[in-house]
Amino acid sequence: MVEEVYKCECCGKTIPVSQRRDHNPTCCGKPMKRLPLDICLKPEDAEFAKSTEHEDAC
């Protein structure tokens, strides 16, 4: 399973979000950036779950 991670923009080090120990992890003296999940890995929300087929009322 792919997890959300924090990534250092200077050195490229990553830390899984589930393993962070403080509120805002830092690396190389700067705050790390939280990388979003790929759209294919996100859980379905109301907009994504809509059917793309047009259905008639009757």
N, C-alpha and C. Protein backbone atom coordinates (compact mmCIF):
# COMPACT_ATOMS: atom_id res chain seq x y z
N MET A 1 0.84 -1.18 0.00
CA MET A 1 0.00 0.00 0.00
C MET A 1 0.88 1.24 0.00
N VAL A 2 0.54 2.22 -0.79
CA VAL A 2 1.29 3.47 -0.87
C VAL A 2 0.76 4.42 0.19
N GLU A 3 1.67 5.07 0.90
CA GLU A 3 1.30 5.99 1.97
C GLU A 3 1.62 7.42 1.55
N GLU A 4 0.94 8.36 2.22
CA GLU A 4 1.31 9.76 2.05
C GLU A 4 2.64 9.98 2.75
N VAL A 5 3.47 10.83 2.19
CA VAL A 5 4.79 11.08 2.77
C VAL A 5 5.09 12.57 2.80
N TYR A 6 6.02 12.92 3.70
CA TYR A 6 6.64 14.24 3.70
C TYR A 6 7.95 14.09 2.94
N LYS A 7 8.30 15.09 2.12
CA LYS A 7 9.54 15.02 1.34
C LYS A 7 10.33 16.31 1.53
N CYS A 8 11.64 16.15 1.74
CA CYS A 8 12.54 17.30 1.85
C CYS A 8 12.85 17.79 0.44
N GLU A 9 12.65 19.09 0.20
CA GLU A 9 12.92 19.65 -1.12
C GLU A 9 14.41 19.83 -1.38
N CYS A 10 15.23 19.78 -0.32
CA CYS A 10 16.68 19.94 -0.50
C CYS A 10 17.38 18.62 -0.83
N CYS A 11 17.18 17.61 0.03
CA CYS A 11 17.92 16.35 -0.14
C CYS A 11 17.07 15.21 -0.69
N GLY A 12 15.74 15.35 -0.70
CA GLY A 12 14.87 14.31 -1.24
C GLY A 12 14.46 13.24 -0.25
N LYS A 13 14.87 13.36 1.01
CA LYS A 13 14.51 12.37 2.03
C LYS A 13 12.99 12.37 2.23
N THR A 14 12.40 11.18 2.42
CA THR A 14 10.97 11.09 2.65
C THR A 14 10.69 10.43 4.00
N ILE A 15 9.59 10.84 4.63
CA ILE A 15 9.13 10.28 5.89
C ILE A 15 7.64 10.00 5.74
N PRO A 16 7.18 8.76 6.01
CA PRO A 16 5.74 8.49 5.95
C PRO A 16 4.98 9.36 6.94
N VAL A 17 3.81 9.82 6.55
CA VAL A 17 3.00 10.68 7.40
C VAL A 17 2.67 9.98 8.71
N SER A 18 2.45 8.67 8.68
CA SER A 18 2.10 7.92 9.88
C SER A 18 3.25 7.85 10.89
N GLN A 19 4.49 8.09 10.47
CA GLN A 19 5.64 7.99 11.37
C GLN A 19 6.16 9.35 11.85
N ARG A 20 5.51 10.42 11.48
CA ARG A 20 6.01 11.73 11.91
C ARG A 20 5.83 11.87 13.42
N ARG A 21 6.81 12.45 14.05
CA ARG A 21 6.78 12.57 15.50
C ARG A 21 6.36 13.97 15.96
N ASP A 22 6.56 14.96 15.15
CA ASP A 22 6.16 16.31 15.54
C ASP A 22 5.13 16.83 14.54
N HIS A 23 4.60 18.01 14.84
CA HIS A 23 3.54 18.57 14.00
C HIS A 23 4.02 18.91 12.60
N ASN A 24 5.20 19.47 12.48
CA ASN A 24 5.72 19.88 11.19
C ASN A 24 7.16 19.40 11.07
N PRO A 25 7.40 18.22 10.46
CA PRO A 25 8.77 17.70 10.40
C PRO A 25 9.68 18.61 9.57
N THR A 26 10.94 18.68 9.98
CA THR A 26 11.92 19.49 9.26
C THR A 26 13.10 18.62 8.85
N CYS A 27 13.79 19.05 7.80
CA CYS A 27 14.99 18.38 7.32
C CYS A 27 15.83 19.45 6.65
N CYS A 28 17.12 19.38 6.78
CA CYS A 28 18.04 20.38 6.21
C CYS A 28 17.70 21.79 6.67
N GLY A 29 17.11 21.91 7.88
CA GLY A 29 16.78 23.22 8.44
C GLY A 29 15.53 23.86 7.86
N LYS A 30 14.77 23.13 7.05
CA LYS A 30 13.55 23.68 6.43
C LYS A 30 12.40 22.71 6.65
N PRO A 31 11.15 23.24 6.66
CA PRO A 31 10.00 22.34 6.80
C PRO A 31 9.86 21.43 5.58
N MET A 32 9.45 20.20 5.84
CA MET A 32 9.26 19.24 4.75
C MET A 32 7.89 19.46 4.11
N LYS A 33 7.77 19.11 2.84
CA LYS A 33 6.53 19.30 2.09
C LYS A 33 5.75 17.99 2.06
N ARG A 34 4.46 18.07 2.34
CA ARG A 34 3.60 16.88 2.31
C ARG A 34 3.18 16.61 0.87
N LEU A 35 3.48 15.42 0.39
CA LEU A 35 3.13 15.06 -0.98
C LEU A 35 1.74 14.43 -0.99
N PRO A 36 0.86 14.86 -1.90
CA PRO A 36 -0.48 14.28 -1.97
C PRO A 36 -0.44 12.88 -2.59
N LEU A 37 -1.47 12.10 -2.30
CA LEU A 37 -1.61 10.79 -2.92
C LEU A 37 -1.94 10.95 -4.40
N ASP A 38 -1.54 9.99 -5.21
CA ASP A 38 -1.92 9.96 -6.61
C ASP A 38 -3.44 9.83 -6.68
N ILE A 39 -4.08 10.46 -7.67
CA ILE A 39 -5.53 10.45 -7.79
C ILE A 39 -6.08 9.02 -7.85
N CYS A 40 -5.34 8.10 -8.40
CA CYS A 40 -5.81 6.71 -8.50
C CYS A 40 -5.79 6.00 -7.15
N LEU A 41 -5.09 6.53 -6.18
CA LEU A 41 -4.97 5.89 -4.87
C LEU A 41 -5.87 6.52 -3.81
N LYS A 42 -6.51 7.64 -4.14
CA LYS A 42 -7.38 8.30 -3.18
C LYS A 42 -8.68 7.54 -3.03
N PRO A 43 -9.26 7.52 -1.82
CA PRO A 43 -10.57 6.89 -1.66
C PRO A 43 -11.63 7.68 -2.44
N GLU A 44 -12.68 6.99 -2.86
CA GLU A 44 -13.73 7.66 -3.62
C GLU A 44 -14.44 8.69 -2.77
N ASP A 45 -14.72 9.84 -3.38
CA ASP A 45 -15.54 10.84 -2.73
C ASP A 45 -16.83 10.97 -3.55
N ALA A 46 -17.72 11.86 -3.17
CA ALA A 46 -19.01 11.98 -3.84
C ALA A 46 -18.86 12.31 -5.32
N GLU A 47 -17.97 13.19 -5.67
CA GLU A 47 -17.79 13.59 -7.07
C GLU A 47 -17.19 12.47 -7.90
N PHE A 48 -16.24 11.75 -7.36
CA PHE A 48 -15.57 10.68 -8.09
C PHE A 48 -16.48 9.47 -8.28
N ALA A 49 -17.39 9.24 -7.34
CA ALA A 49 -18.24 8.05 -7.38
C ALA A 49 -19.42 8.19 -8.34
N LYS A 50 -19.66 9.39 -8.89
CA LYS A 50 -20.78 9.58 -9.81
C LYS A 50 -20.61 8.74 -11.06
N SER A 51 -21.72 8.25 -11.55
CA SER A 51 -21.71 7.48 -12.79
C SER A 51 -21.53 8.43 -13.96
N THR A 52 -20.77 8.03 -14.96
CA THR A 52 -20.55 8.87 -16.14
C THR A 52 -21.62 8.64 -17.19
N GLU A 53 -22.46 7.62 -17.00
CA GLU A 53 -23.52 7.34 -17.96
C GLU A 53 -24.76 8.15 -17.63
N HIS A 54 -25.42 8.65 -18.67
CA HIS A 54 -26.66 9.40 -18.49
C HIS A 54 -27.80 8.41 -18.32
N GLU A 55 -28.55 8.54 -17.25
CA GLU A 55 -29.67 7.64 -17.00
C GLU A 55 -30.97 8.41 -17.14
N ASP A 56 -31.94 7.80 -17.80
CA ASP A 56 -33.26 8.41 -17.94
C ASP A 56 -34.05 8.22 -16.66
N ALA A 57 -35.00 9.12 -16.43
CA ALA A 57 -35.82 9.04 -15.24
C ALA A 57 -36.79 7.86 -15.28
N CYS A 58 -37.22 7.49 -16.47
CA CYS A 58 -38.21 6.40 -16.58
C CYS A 58 -37.56 5.09 -16.94
